[in-house]
Amino acid sequence: MRNFTYRIDGMKHKDYWQRLSDLKIYSQGRRQERYHIIYAWKILENLVPNPGLNSTQCPRKGRLIKIPSIVKKAPCYVKSLKESSFSVRAPKLFNLLPKQIRGINGCTVEIFKQHLDNFLCGIRDEPRISGYSAFCRGSSNSLMDMIKSKADNHVDHI
């Protein structure tokens, strides 16, 4: 993606983050996380087959997806594989969303995407680039780290 955006007219003198912003596109990692969230929502809405995700409705927290437990005695490589699987990663990402977005149901996929994109545009998309890691706010560009970083910065400014 970096090489592709660099070749677009008027983008040669901008850094990668500025090119993403000007072109109004997400980084590859953000697109993948967005897709996981949308697919999890489709599962909850019975628009696609359910691979075993279960949701719960809590009056205070709203709709959440249960995150499967990982056996503590399992080898590290098994824990790592499980942690990066869709069945763990998608629920974690979905549960990070505000209650209002998680609670959207009975609408088209496009409407859900609009609400999701409105939320995502408020979270910085700063993909890791070797040599530029000092400029990133979170420990990674994952929504999990960027939302936590945003919340920490908000608390610091109060």
Foldseek 3Di string as FASTA:
>chain_A
DQVVLCPDPPNVPDHPLVSCVVVVHADPQVVVLLVLQLVVLCCVQVVDPDPDWDWDADPVLGIAIDADDDDPPDDPVSVVVSCPDSSHSSRVSNSVDHRVLNRDYDDDSVVSSVVVVVVCVVFRQDADDPPCCVVDQFPHRDPVGRVVSVVVVVVVVD
